[in-house]
């Protein structure tokens, strides 16, 4: 009996050591997503991701990874990456493969390896005859969904 108790103890200790740690955000980044062209239609697009630090200064030395998923099961995600930006803006070629509701997850990896993840909602249409949602520069600004930080 003592043998099984000791074995159970070892298993519990091992499992506790393997538990993923919840990261505490130590980097305060402002991540914004705009899309060209507007309105969003199936096909090629450019995601314009703007990254600023807490003081508003542009972050140019980050790597950006994007994952686009439709909000329903059965579709392959779309991936894109870029590792350089100008004035805090990263222009990422992207393809909307189908009309519908999308979730776009942007992962910003800083030079020190710290990551900040932010998700945005997007509605992609089949044609340009849909109502437009434009900003001053002619791009569509996406509403943010959630923010996570990882280290």
Protein backbone atom coordinates (compact mmCIF):
# COMPACT_ATOMS: atom_id res chain seq x y z
CA UNK A 1 0.00 0.00 0.00
CA UNK A 2 2.83 2.38 0.87
CA UNK A 3 4.39 1.55 -2.50
CA UNK A 4 1.24 2.71 -4.35
CA UNK A 5 0.96 5.84 -2.23
CA UNK A 6 4.53 6.79 -3.07
CA UNK A 7 3.88 6.11 -6.77
CA UNK A 8 0.76 8.30 -6.69
CA UNK A 9 2.78 11.04 -4.97
CA UNK A 10 5.42 10.94 -7.73
CA UNK A 11 2.77 11.12 -10.45
CA UNK A 12 1.12 14.15 -8.82
CA UNK A 13 4.44 15.96 -8.38
CA UNK A 14 5.35 15.28 -12.01
CA UNK A 15 1.95 16.49 -13.26
CA UNK A 16 2.19 19.68 -11.19
CA UNK A 17 5.63 20.39 -12.64
CA UNK A 18 4.32 20.01 -16.19
CA UNK A 19 1.46 22.49 -15.72
CA UNK A 20 1.67 25.45 -18.09
CA UNK A 21 2.41 28.72 -16.43
CA UNK A 22 0.03 31.61 -17.04
CA UNK A 23 2.07 34.49 -18.32
CA UNK A 24 1.78 37.86 -16.67
CA UNK A 25 1.87 40.57 -19.31
CA UNK A 26 5.02 42.57 -18.73
CA UNK A 27 4.92 44.35 -22.07
CA UNK A 28 2.20 46.86 -22.75
CA UNK A 29 1.78 47.06 -26.52
CA UNK A 30 -0.89 48.77 -28.56
CA UNK A 31 -1.64 46.51 -31.54
CA UNK A 32 -4.04 47.71 -34.22
CA UNK A 33 -5.18 45.97 -37.39
CA UNK A 34 -6.41 47.63 -40.57
CA UNK A 35 -7.10 45.85 -43.86
CA UNK A 36 -6.67 46.95 -47.46
CA UNK A 37 -8.72 46.95 -49.62
CA UNK A 38 -11.93 48.06 -47.98
CA UNK A 39 -14.49 46.53 -47.92
CA UNK A 40 -13.07 43.10 -47.15
CA UNK A 41 -13.68 40.71 -50.03
CA UNK A 42 -12.57 37.18 -50.84
CA UNK A 43 -9.06 37.17 -52.33
CA UNK A 44 -5.76 38.93 -51.79
CA UNK A 45 -5.46 41.64 -49.15
CA UNK A 46 -2.87 43.42 -47.08
CA UNK A 47 -3.08 43.42 -43.30
CA UNK A 48 -1.59 46.62 -41.89
CA UNK A 49 -0.59 45.88 -38.32
CA UNK A 50 0.53 48.85 -36.22
CA UNK A 51 2.55 48.17 -33.08
CA UNK A 52 3.38 50.86 -30.52
CA UNK A 53 4.79 50.56 -27.01
CA UNK A 54 3.12 51.99 -23.89
CA UNK A 55 4.64 55.43 -24.52
CA UNK A 56 3.31 55.49 -28.11
CA UNK A 57 6.71 54.89 -29.73
CA UNK A 58 6.73 52.72 -32.87
CA UNK A 59 8.01 49.15 -32.47
CA UNK A 60 9.97 48.18 -35.61
CA UNK A 61 12.09 45.22 -34.49
CA UNK A 62 9.30 42.70 -33.90
CA UNK A 63 8.28 39.59 -35.80
CA UNK A 64 4.61 39.37 -36.68
CA UNK A 65 2.74 36.09 -37.16
CA UNK A 66 -0.88 36.08 -38.28
CA UNK A 67 -3.39 33.25 -38.15
CA UNK A 68 -6.79 33.69 -39.77
CA UNK A 69 -9.57 31.24 -38.87
CA UNK A 70 -13.18 31.19 -39.90
CA UNK A 71 -15.46 31.11 -36.90
CA UNK A 72 -16.84 27.70 -37.88
CA UNK A 73 -15.18 24.31 -38.03
CA UNK A 74 -13.92 22.66 -41.18
CA UNK A 75 -11.83 25.41 -42.78
CA UNK A 76 -8.07 25.44 -43.01
CA UNK A 77 -6.49 28.44 -41.27
CA UNK A 78 -4.52 31.02 -43.25
CA UNK A 79 -1.02 31.85 -41.97
CA UNK A 80 1.27 34.78 -42.75
CA UNK A 81 4.45 36.25 -41.23
CA UNK A 82 6.69 39.28 -41.56
CA UNK A 83 9.77 40.34 -39.62
CA UNK A 84 10.25 44.01 -40.41
CA UNK A 85 8.22 47.15 -40.07
CA UNK A 86 8.54 50.88 -40.72
CA UNK A 87 7.20 53.47 -38.29
CA UNK A 88 5.59 50.63 -36.33
CA UNK A 89 3.58 49.45 -39.35
CA UNK A 90 3.90 45.92 -40.68
CA UNK A 91 2.31 45.21 -44.09
CA UNK A 92 1.43 41.52 -44.25
CA UNK A 93 0.19 39.92 -47.51
CA UNK A 94 -2.87 37.82 -46.71
CA UNK A 95 -5.58 35.90 -48.55
CA UNK A 96 -9.21 35.68 -47.48
CA UNK A 97 -10.11 32.22 -48.81
CA UNK A 98 -13.87 32.40 -48.18
CA UNK A 99 -16.60 34.88 -47.34
CA UNK A 100 -17.90 34.90 -43.78
CA UNK A 101 -16.84 35.71 -40.24
CA UNK A 102 -13.15 35.38 -39.41
CA UNK A 103 -10.99 35.61 -36.31
CA UNK A 104 -7.55 37.07 -37.00
CA UNK A 105 -4.95 36.34 -34.33
CA UNK A 106 -1.85 38.55 -34.39
CA UNK A 107 1.23 37.41 -32.46
CA UNK A 108 3.92 40.04 -31.94
CA UNK A 109 7.30 38.61 -30.90
CA UNK A 110 9.68 41.24 -29.58
CA UNK A 111 13.46 41.12 -29.93
CA UNK A 112 13.74 39.81 -26.35
CA UNK A 113 11.49 36.84 -27.23
CA UNK A 114 8.44 38.11 -25.36
CA UNK A 115 5.14 37.60 -27.17
CA UNK A 116 1.88 39.51 -27.13
CA UNK A 117 -1.19 38.00 -28.82
CA UNK A 118 -4.28 39.93 -29.85
CA UNK A 119 -7.36 38.72 -31.73
CA UNK A 120 -9.63 40.68 -34.06
CA UNK A 121 -12.99 39.94 -35.71
CA UNK A 122 -13.38 40.36 -39.48
CA UNK A 123 -16.34 39.98 -41.84
CA UNK A 124 -15.36 39.07 -45.40
CA UNK A 125 -17.83 39.60 -48.25
CA UNK A 126 -18.06 38.01 -51.69
CA UNK A 127 -18.19 41.32 -53.61
CA UNK A 128 -17.40 45.00 -53.24
CA UNK A 129 -21.10 45.93 -53.33
CA UNK A 130 -21.36 45.62 -49.56
CA UNK A 131 -21.63 48.64 -47.22
CA UNK A 132 -18.23 50.18 -46.52
CA UNK A 133 -16.66 50.79 -43.14
CA UNK A 134 -13.75 53.12 -43.82
CA UNK A 135 -11.28 55.17 -41.89
CA UNK A 136 -9.53 58.34 -43.03
CA UNK A 137 -6.85 56.42 -44.93
CA UNK A 138 -9.37 54.19 -46.74
CA UNK A 139 -8.75 51.04 -44.74
CA UNK A 140 -11.11 49.11 -42.51
CA UNK A 141 -10.24 49.12 -38.83
CA UNK A 142 -11.05 45.83 -37.17
CA UNK A 143 -12.63 45.64 -33.70
CA UNK A 144 -10.44 43.92 -31.16
CA UNK A 145 -11.58 40.75 -29.44
CA UNK A 146 -9.12 39.58 -26.81
CA UNK A 147 -5.57 40.11 -25.68
CA UNK A 148 -3.15 37.58 -24.23
CA UNK A 149 0.49 37.91 -23.38
CA UNK A 150 3.08 35.16 -23.27
CA UNK A 151 6.68 35.24 -22.21
